[in-house]
N, C-alpha and C. Protein backbone atom coordinates (compact mmCIF):
# COMPACT_ATOMS: atom_id res chain seq x y z
N UNK A 1 26.24 29.63 -31.98
CA UNK A 1 25.46 28.73 -31.15
C UNK A 1 25.17 29.41 -29.82
N UNK A 2 24.04 29.08 -29.27
CA UNK A 2 23.65 29.71 -28.01
C UNK A 2 24.05 28.83 -26.83
N UNK A 3 24.18 29.40 -25.66
CA UNK A 3 24.54 28.62 -24.48
C UNK A 3 23.52 27.54 -24.14
N UNK A 4 22.25 27.75 -24.51
CA UNK A 4 21.23 26.74 -24.20
C UNK A 4 21.51 25.43 -24.93
N UNK A 5 21.98 25.52 -26.16
CA UNK A 5 22.29 24.30 -26.92
C UNK A 5 23.44 23.56 -26.26
N UNK A 6 24.44 24.30 -25.80
CA UNK A 6 25.57 23.68 -25.12
C UNK A 6 25.14 22.97 -23.84
N UNK A 7 24.29 23.61 -23.06
CA UNK A 7 23.80 22.98 -21.83
C UNK A 7 22.99 21.73 -22.14
N UNK A 8 22.15 21.83 -23.18
CA UNK A 8 21.35 20.68 -23.58
C UNK A 8 22.25 19.50 -23.96
N UNK A 9 23.30 19.77 -24.72
CA UNK A 9 24.21 18.70 -25.12
C UNK A 9 24.94 18.10 -23.92
N UNK A 10 25.33 18.93 -22.97
CA UNK A 10 26.01 18.43 -21.77
C UNK A 10 25.06 17.54 -20.96
N UNK A 11 23.83 18.01 -20.75
CA UNK A 11 22.86 17.21 -19.99
C UNK A 11 22.52 15.91 -20.70
N UNK A 12 22.38 15.98 -22.02
CA UNK A 12 22.10 14.77 -22.78
C UNK A 12 23.25 13.77 -22.65
N UNK A 13 24.47 14.27 -22.71
CA UNK A 13 25.63 13.41 -22.54
C UNK A 13 25.69 12.77 -21.16
N UNK A 14 25.37 13.55 -20.14
CA UNK A 14 25.38 13.01 -18.78
C UNK A 14 24.31 11.92 -18.61
N UNK A 15 23.15 12.14 -19.21
CA UNK A 15 22.09 11.13 -19.13
C UNK A 15 22.52 9.85 -19.85
N UNK A 16 23.16 9.98 -21.01
CA UNK A 16 23.62 8.80 -21.74
C UNK A 16 24.71 8.05 -20.97
N UNK A 17 25.60 8.78 -20.33
CA UNK A 17 26.64 8.13 -19.51
C UNK A 17 25.99 7.39 -18.34
N UNK A 18 25.01 8.02 -17.68
CA UNK A 18 24.34 7.38 -16.56
C UNK A 18 23.61 6.11 -17.02
N UNK A 19 22.95 6.18 -18.17
CA UNK A 19 22.27 4.99 -18.69
C UNK A 19 23.27 3.89 -19.03
N UNK A 20 24.39 4.27 -19.59
CA UNK A 20 25.43 3.29 -19.90
C UNK A 20 25.96 2.60 -18.65
N UNK A 21 26.17 3.37 -17.60
CA UNK A 21 26.65 2.80 -16.33
C UNK A 21 25.60 1.85 -15.76
N UNK A 22 24.33 2.25 -15.81
CA UNK A 22 23.26 1.36 -15.32
C UNK A 22 23.22 0.06 -16.09
N UNK A 23 23.37 0.13 -17.39
CA UNK A 23 23.32 -1.08 -18.21
C UNK A 23 24.52 -1.97 -17.93
N UNK A 24 25.69 -1.39 -17.76
CA UNK A 24 26.89 -2.19 -17.48
C UNK A 24 26.77 -2.91 -16.15
N UNK A 25 26.34 -2.21 -15.11
CA UNK A 25 26.33 -2.80 -13.78
C UNK A 25 25.04 -3.56 -13.45
N UNK A 26 23.92 -3.18 -14.05
CA UNK A 26 22.65 -3.82 -13.73
C UNK A 26 22.01 -4.47 -14.94
N UNK A 27 22.78 -4.76 -15.97
CA UNK A 27 22.25 -5.35 -17.20
C UNK A 27 21.61 -6.71 -16.98
N UNK A 28 22.17 -7.50 -16.08
CA UNK A 28 21.60 -8.83 -15.82
C UNK A 28 20.26 -8.73 -15.10
N UNK A 29 20.05 -7.66 -14.36
CA UNK A 29 18.77 -7.46 -13.66
C UNK A 29 17.68 -6.98 -14.62
N UNK A 30 18.07 -6.46 -15.79
CA UNK A 30 17.12 -5.93 -16.76
C UNK A 30 16.88 -6.89 -17.92
N UNK A 31 17.13 -8.17 -17.72
CA UNK A 31 16.98 -9.13 -18.82
C UNK A 31 15.52 -9.29 -19.24
N UNK A 32 14.57 -8.97 -18.38
CA UNK A 32 13.15 -9.06 -18.73
C UNK A 32 12.75 -7.99 -19.72
N UNK A 33 13.53 -6.91 -19.78
CA UNK A 33 13.22 -5.81 -20.68
C UNK A 33 13.43 -6.26 -22.12
N UNK A 34 12.40 -6.21 -22.90
CA UNK A 34 12.47 -6.66 -24.29
C UNK A 34 11.86 -8.02 -24.51
N UNK A 35 11.44 -8.67 -23.44
CA UNK A 35 10.80 -9.98 -23.59
C UNK A 35 9.49 -10.03 -22.81
N UNK A 36 8.79 -8.91 -22.82
CA UNK A 36 7.50 -8.84 -22.12
C UNK A 36 6.41 -9.50 -22.96
N UNK A 37 5.35 -9.98 -22.32
CA UNK A 37 4.22 -10.49 -23.10
C UNK A 37 3.63 -9.36 -23.94
N UNK A 38 3.43 -9.61 -25.19
CA UNK A 38 2.91 -8.58 -26.09
C UNK A 38 3.97 -8.09 -27.06
N UNK A 39 5.24 -8.36 -26.78
CA UNK A 39 6.29 -8.06 -27.75
C UNK A 39 6.21 -9.10 -28.86
N UNK A 40 6.24 -8.64 -30.08
CA UNK A 40 6.03 -9.53 -31.22
C UNK A 40 7.38 -9.96 -31.78
N UNK A 41 7.54 -11.28 -31.93
CA UNK A 41 8.77 -11.84 -32.49
C UNK A 41 8.38 -12.84 -33.56
N UNK A 42 8.89 -12.63 -34.78
CA UNK A 42 8.60 -13.54 -35.88
C UNK A 42 9.91 -14.06 -36.45
N UNK A 43 9.98 -15.36 -36.66
CA UNK A 43 11.16 -15.97 -37.25
C UNK A 43 10.71 -16.89 -38.37
N UNK A 44 11.27 -16.66 -39.55
CA UNK A 44 10.99 -17.50 -40.71
C UNK A 44 12.29 -17.70 -41.47
N UNK A 45 12.77 -18.91 -41.48
CA UNK A 45 14.02 -19.18 -42.17
C UNK A 45 15.17 -18.39 -41.56
N UNK A 46 15.81 -17.59 -42.39
CA UNK A 46 16.94 -16.78 -41.91
C UNK A 46 16.54 -15.38 -41.50
N UNK A 47 15.25 -15.09 -41.51
CA UNK A 47 14.78 -13.74 -41.21
C UNK A 47 14.15 -13.69 -39.82
N UNK A 48 14.55 -12.69 -39.05
CA UNK A 48 13.97 -12.46 -37.72
C UNK A 48 13.48 -11.03 -37.65
N UNK A 49 12.25 -10.87 -37.19
CA UNK A 49 11.67 -9.54 -37.03
C UNK A 49 11.16 -9.43 -35.60
N UNK A 50 11.48 -8.32 -34.95
CA UNK A 50 11.12 -8.15 -33.54
C UNK A 50 10.49 -6.78 -33.36
N UNK A 51 9.29 -6.73 -32.80
CA UNK A 51 8.58 -5.49 -32.50
C UNK A 51 8.32 -5.41 -31.00
N UNK A 52 9.13 -4.67 -30.25
CA UNK A 52 8.96 -4.59 -28.79
C UNK A 52 7.88 -3.57 -28.40
N UNK A 53 6.64 -3.85 -28.78
CA UNK A 53 5.55 -2.89 -28.58
C UNK A 53 5.29 -2.63 -27.10
N UNK A 54 5.09 -3.67 -26.32
CA UNK A 54 4.76 -3.50 -24.89
C UNK A 54 5.94 -2.89 -24.14
N UNK A 55 7.16 -3.29 -24.48
CA UNK A 55 8.34 -2.73 -23.83
C UNK A 55 8.42 -1.22 -24.07
N UNK A 56 8.15 -0.79 -25.28
CA UNK A 56 8.19 0.65 -25.59
C UNK A 56 7.08 1.41 -24.88
N UNK A 57 5.91 0.80 -24.74
CA UNK A 57 4.82 1.46 -24.00
C UNK A 57 5.20 1.62 -22.53
N UNK A 58 5.76 0.57 -21.93
CA UNK A 58 6.17 0.64 -20.52
C UNK A 58 7.25 1.69 -20.34
N UNK A 59 8.26 1.70 -21.21
CA UNK A 59 9.33 2.70 -21.10
C UNK A 59 8.78 4.11 -21.29
N UNK A 60 7.85 4.28 -22.19
CA UNK A 60 7.25 5.59 -22.41
C UNK A 60 6.52 6.09 -21.17
N UNK A 61 5.77 5.21 -20.54
CA UNK A 61 5.03 5.60 -19.33
C UNK A 61 6.00 5.95 -18.20
N UNK A 62 7.01 5.12 -18.00
CA UNK A 62 7.98 5.37 -16.93
C UNK A 62 8.74 6.67 -17.17
N UNK A 63 9.21 6.89 -18.39
CA UNK A 63 9.94 8.12 -18.69
C UNK A 63 9.05 9.36 -18.58
N UNK A 64 7.78 9.24 -18.96
CA UNK A 64 6.86 10.36 -18.82
C UNK A 64 6.67 10.73 -17.36
N UNK A 65 6.52 9.74 -16.51
CA UNK A 65 6.37 10.00 -15.07
C UNK A 65 7.63 10.65 -14.51
N UNK A 66 8.81 10.14 -14.88
CA UNK A 66 10.07 10.70 -14.37
C UNK A 66 10.25 12.13 -14.84
N UNK A 67 9.99 12.40 -16.11
CA UNK A 67 10.16 13.75 -16.65
C UNK A 67 9.17 14.71 -16.00
N UNK A 68 7.93 14.29 -15.80
CA UNK A 68 6.95 15.17 -15.17
C UNK A 68 7.32 15.47 -13.72
N UNK A 69 7.82 14.48 -13.00
CA UNK A 69 8.27 14.72 -11.63
C UNK A 69 9.47 15.67 -11.61
N UNK A 70 10.38 15.47 -12.54
CA UNK A 70 11.56 16.33 -12.62
C UNK A 70 11.15 17.77 -12.92
N UNK A 71 10.23 17.96 -13.86
CA UNK A 71 9.79 19.30 -14.23
C UNK A 71 9.01 19.96 -13.10
N UNK A 72 8.30 19.18 -12.31
CA UNK A 72 7.50 19.74 -11.22
C UNK A 72 8.38 20.24 -10.08
N UNK A 73 9.46 19.51 -9.79
CA UNK A 73 10.28 19.87 -8.64
C UNK A 73 11.50 20.72 -8.98
N UNK A 74 11.84 20.82 -10.27
CA UNK A 74 13.03 21.62 -10.63
C UNK A 74 12.65 22.64 -11.63
């Protein structure tokens, strides 16, 4: 294995830990996430299907902006 893979795994782990900490401490502030207008929710009998389309689009845009800023300055 190359050192780049090791660094990638360490950075990925740090990002996951940071996200976990944010969710634990600020989870109540993020309750709107997943219930945006445009997210599709279907319930019939005992079956529930949920498609968070708008939430995924918003997260994609935000993460793209953050990654581009990070790549530009570092």
